[in-house]
Amino acid sequence: MIRSLSGLVVASSLFVCGGVHAATALSGAAARFDGLTGGQINLETFRGAPVLVVNTASQCGFTGQYSGLEALWRRLRDRGLVVIGVPSNDFGGQEPGDARQIAEFCTANFGVSFPMTAKSVVRGANRHPFYAWSEKSLGQVGVPGWNFHKILIGPHGRAIAAFPATTAPDDPALLGAIEAALNAS
């Protein structure tokens, strides 16, 4: 159930896995996140649909991307796209709030209704298993370099592309990859 708030080829702002790394399907611990407002978000429940996973922060220069992500979610969710926000304090301490503060900020300022996970580590030895899987699947481009890094998972549970923080939610390369994934569903 979706709850509210709950190798390498470089082409423009899109990073695509060129088959250098083993493309393993997402499963197990890598697919499970605690939800921001409780419960669990299991990405395996979205198999058959493309999923865009974005590490987020409330005090970042890219925080305005929440608006674009919400618009993308609202426009394409009926076609199958799932957007998941993963709050993280890994970059410049730009997500210092607790779950309640993050949820209130996202709702009040951006009307976020797409699922949000609990605050998670996205880099380094203590990172969430999803991000270890992303690196294994996509190589270094699967590792967030900053807040609002985007990882697109295809309908068969494999990571298919990563987009840096500078890629806006309405970027043609991102939209093209999402459309291709929706058409493959």
Protein backbone atom coordinates (compact mmCIF):
# COMPACT_ATOMS: atom_id res chain seq x y z
CA MET A 1 0.00 0.00 0.00
CA ILE A 2 1.35 3.41 -0.90
CA ARG A 3 1.01 5.91 1.92
CA SER A 4 1.26 9.64 1.64
CA LEU A 5 4.73 10.60 2.88
CA SER A 6 5.29 7.17 3.76
CA GLY A 7 29.69 0.42 -18.00
CA LEU A 8 28.97 3.60 -17.88
CA VAL A 9 27.82 5.83 -20.66
CA VAL A 10 27.34 9.50 -19.94
CA ALA A 11 24.81 11.20 -22.20
CA SER A 12 23.91 14.77 -21.22
CA SER A 13 22.76 14.51 -17.61
CA LEU A 14 21.87 10.82 -17.81
CA PHE A 15 24.08 8.00 -16.61
CA VAL A 16 23.24 4.59 -18.03
CA CYS A 17 24.68 1.27 -17.08
CA GLY A 18 26.45 -0.12 -20.12
CA GLY A 19 26.42 -3.71 -18.95
CA VAL A 20 29.76 -3.54 -17.16
CA HIS A 21 28.25 -4.51 -13.84
CA ALA A 22 26.01 -7.44 -13.01
CA ALA A 23 22.42 -6.26 -13.18
CA THR A 24 20.79 -8.07 -10.31
CA ALA A 25 17.13 -7.64 -9.49
CA LEU A 26 16.32 -5.70 -6.35
CA SER A 27 15.34 -7.97 -3.46
CA GLY A 28 15.70 -8.59 0.24
CA ALA A 29 17.08 -5.96 2.62
CA ALA A 30 17.98 -3.68 -0.29
CA ALA A 31 14.31 -3.39 -1.20
CA ARG A 32 12.98 -2.55 2.26
CA PHE A 33 12.91 0.85 3.92
CA ASP A 34 11.20 1.99 7.06
CA GLY A 35 8.50 4.50 6.15
CA LEU A 36 8.85 8.12 7.25
CA THR A 37 5.56 8.04 9.14
CA GLY A 38 5.69 4.37 10.12
CA GLY A 39 5.30 1.03 8.47
CA GLN A 40 7.55 -0.30 5.74
CA ILE A 41 8.07 0.50 2.10
CA ASN A 42 9.03 -2.64 0.21
CA LEU A 43 10.13 -1.80 -3.32
CA GLU A 44 9.47 -5.40 -4.39
CA THR A 45 5.73 -4.64 -4.15
CA PHE A 46 6.19 -2.28 -7.10
CA ARG A 47 7.66 -4.94 -9.41
CA GLY A 48 6.18 -4.45 -12.84
CA ALA A 49 6.34 -0.67 -12.51
CA PRO A 50 9.24 1.74 -12.85
CA VAL A 51 10.40 3.25 -9.55
CA LEU A 52 12.34 6.50 -9.20
CA VAL A 53 14.27 6.60 -5.91
CA VAL A 54 15.54 10.05 -4.91
CA ASN A 55 17.63 10.91 -1.86
CA THR A 56 16.28 14.18 -0.51
CA ALA A 57 17.06 16.98 1.95
CA SER A 58 15.05 19.92 3.29
CA GLN A 59 17.82 22.52 3.40
CA CYS A 60 19.55 22.00 0.06
CA GLY A 61 19.83 24.21 -2.99
CA PHE A 62 17.97 21.46 -4.86
CA THR A 63 15.12 21.20 -2.32
CA GLY A 64 12.81 22.94 -4.80
CA GLN A 65 12.93 19.70 -6.81
CA TYR A 66 10.29 18.37 -4.41
CA SER A 67 7.75 20.38 -6.46
CA GLY A 68 8.86 18.77 -9.70
CA LEU A 69 8.97 15.30 -8.18
CA GLU A 70 5.44 15.74 -6.85
CA ALA A 71 4.25 16.96 -10.26
CA LEU A 72 5.95 13.97 -11.94
CA TRP A 73 4.35 11.59 -9.43
CA ARG A 74 0.88 13.05 -9.91
CA ARG A 75 1.17 13.08 -13.70
CA LEU A 76 2.52 9.54 -14.15
CA ARG A 77 1.41 7.47 -11.16
CA ASP A 78 -1.75 6.30 -12.93
CA ARG A 79 0.49 4.94 -15.69
CA GLY A 80 2.56 3.07 -13.10
CA LEU A 81 5.45 5.32 -12.07
CA VAL A 82 6.34 5.21 -8.39
CA VAL A 83 8.43 8.01 -6.83
CA ILE A 84 10.11 7.30 -3.50
CA GLY A 85 11.86 10.00 -1.45
CA VAL A 86 14.74 8.97 0.82
CA PRO A 87 15.63 11.77 3.25
CA SER A 88 19.32 11.81 4.05
CA ASN A 89 21.59 14.01 6.13
CA ASP A 90 24.76 12.80 4.37
CA PHE A 91 25.55 15.97 2.44
CA GLY A 92 26.32 19.12 4.39
CA GLY A 93 23.93 18.25 7.24
CA GLN A 94 21.07 19.49 5.05
CA GLU A 95 18.43 17.16 6.52
CA PRO A 96 18.79 17.66 10.28
CA GLY A 97 15.10 17.16 11.16
CA ASP A 98 13.38 14.16 12.63
CA ALA A 99 10.62 12.24 10.85
CA ARG A 100 7.84 14.56 12.04
CA GLN A 101 9.74 17.68 10.97
CA ILE A 102 10.58 16.21 7.56
CA ALA A 103 6.98 15.13 6.94
CA GLU A 104 5.60 18.53 7.99
CA PHE A 105 8.15 20.39 5.84
CA CYS A 106 7.44 18.29 2.75
CA THR A 107 3.67 18.56 3.12
CA ALA A 108 3.48 22.24 4.03
CA ASN A 109 5.98 23.51 1.48
CA PHE A 110 5.60 21.14 -1.47
CA GLY A 111 2.41 19.12 -0.97
CA VAL A 112 4.42 15.90 -1.15
CA SER A 113 2.17 12.86 -1.38
CA PHE A 114 4.60 10.32 -2.84
CA PRO A 115 6.00 7.72 -0.40
CA MET A 116 8.90 8.84 1.78
CA THR A 117 11.23 6.56 3.71
CA ALA A 118 12.71 7.15 7.12
CA LYS A 119 15.91 9.19 7.08
CA SER A 120 18.67 6.93 5.73
CA VAL A 121 22.41 6.91 5.12
CA VAL A 122 23.05 6.78 1.36
CA ARG A 123 26.88 6.78 1.22
CA GLY A 124 29.74 5.01 2.93
CA ALA A 125 30.11 1.87 4.98
CA ASN A 126 26.84 2.36 6.90
CA ARG A 127 24.67 3.11 3.88
CA HIS A 128 21.28 1.56 3.41
CA PRO A 129 21.55 -1.76 1.49
CA PHE A 130 19.60 -0.23 -1.42
CA TYR A 131 22.54 2.05 -2.16
CA ALA A 132 25.06 -0.82 -2.03
CA TRP A 133 22.83 -2.63 -4.56
CA SER A 134 22.62 0.50 -6.69
CA GLU A 135 26.41 0.80 -6.82
CA LYS A 136 26.78 -2.90 -7.64
CA SER A 137 24.19 -2.55 -10.40
CA LEU A 138 25.24 0.77 -11.96
CA GLY A 139 28.81 1.30 -10.79
CA GLN A 140 29.95 4.62 -9.36
CA VAL A 141 27.04 6.54 -10.95
CA GLY A 142 24.73 4.56 -8.66
CA VAL A 143 26.31 6.28 -5.64
CA PRO A 144 24.72 9.62 -4.76
CA GLY A 145 27.13 12.52 -5.08
CA TRP A 146 24.69 14.96 -3.49
CA ASN A 147 21.07 15.37 -2.45
CA PHE A 148 18.40 14.71 -5.11
CA HIS A 149 20.40 12.04 -6.94
CA LYS A 150 17.92 9.87 -8.81
CA ILE A 151 18.00 6.12 -9.47
CA LEU A 152 15.52 4.61 -11.91
CA ILE A 153 14.53 0.99 -11.40
CA GLY A 154 12.89 -0.74 -14.33
CA PRO A 155 9.72 -2.81 -14.19
CA HIS A 156 11.73 -6.02 -13.77
CA GLY A 157 13.45 -4.79 -10.61
CA ARG A 158 16.81 -3.86 -12.16
CA ALA A 159 18.52 -0.49 -11.88
CA ILE A 160 18.52 1.02 -15.35
CA ALA A 161 19.77 4.58 -14.93
CA ALA A 162 21.05 7.17 -12.49
CA PHE A 163 20.75 10.93 -12.71
CA PRO A 164 22.80 13.46 -10.76
CA ALA A 165 21.28 16.10 -8.48
CA THR A 166 21.51 18.69 -11.24
CA THR A 167 18.96 16.75 -13.30
CA ALA A 168 15.59 18.38 -12.71
CA PRO A 169 12.46 16.20 -12.54
CA ASP A 170 11.31 17.64 -15.89
CA ASP A 171 14.65 17.07 -17.64
CA PRO A 172 14.09 15.49 -21.09
CA ALA A 173 16.66 12.74 -20.47
CA LEU A 174 14.98 11.71 -17.21
CA LEU A 175 11.50 11.89 -18.74
CA GLY A 176 12.67 9.85 -21.74
CA ALA A 177 14.09 7.12 -19.50
CA ILE A 178 10.89 7.05 -17.46
CA GLU A 179 8.74 6.86 -20.61
CA ALA A 180 10.86 3.98 -21.93
CA ALA A 181 10.47 2.16 -18.60
CA LEU A 182 6.71 2.79 -18.56
CA ASN A 183 6.43 1.43 -22.10
CA ALA A 184 8.36 -1.68 -21.04
CA SER A 185 5.95 -2.32 -18.16
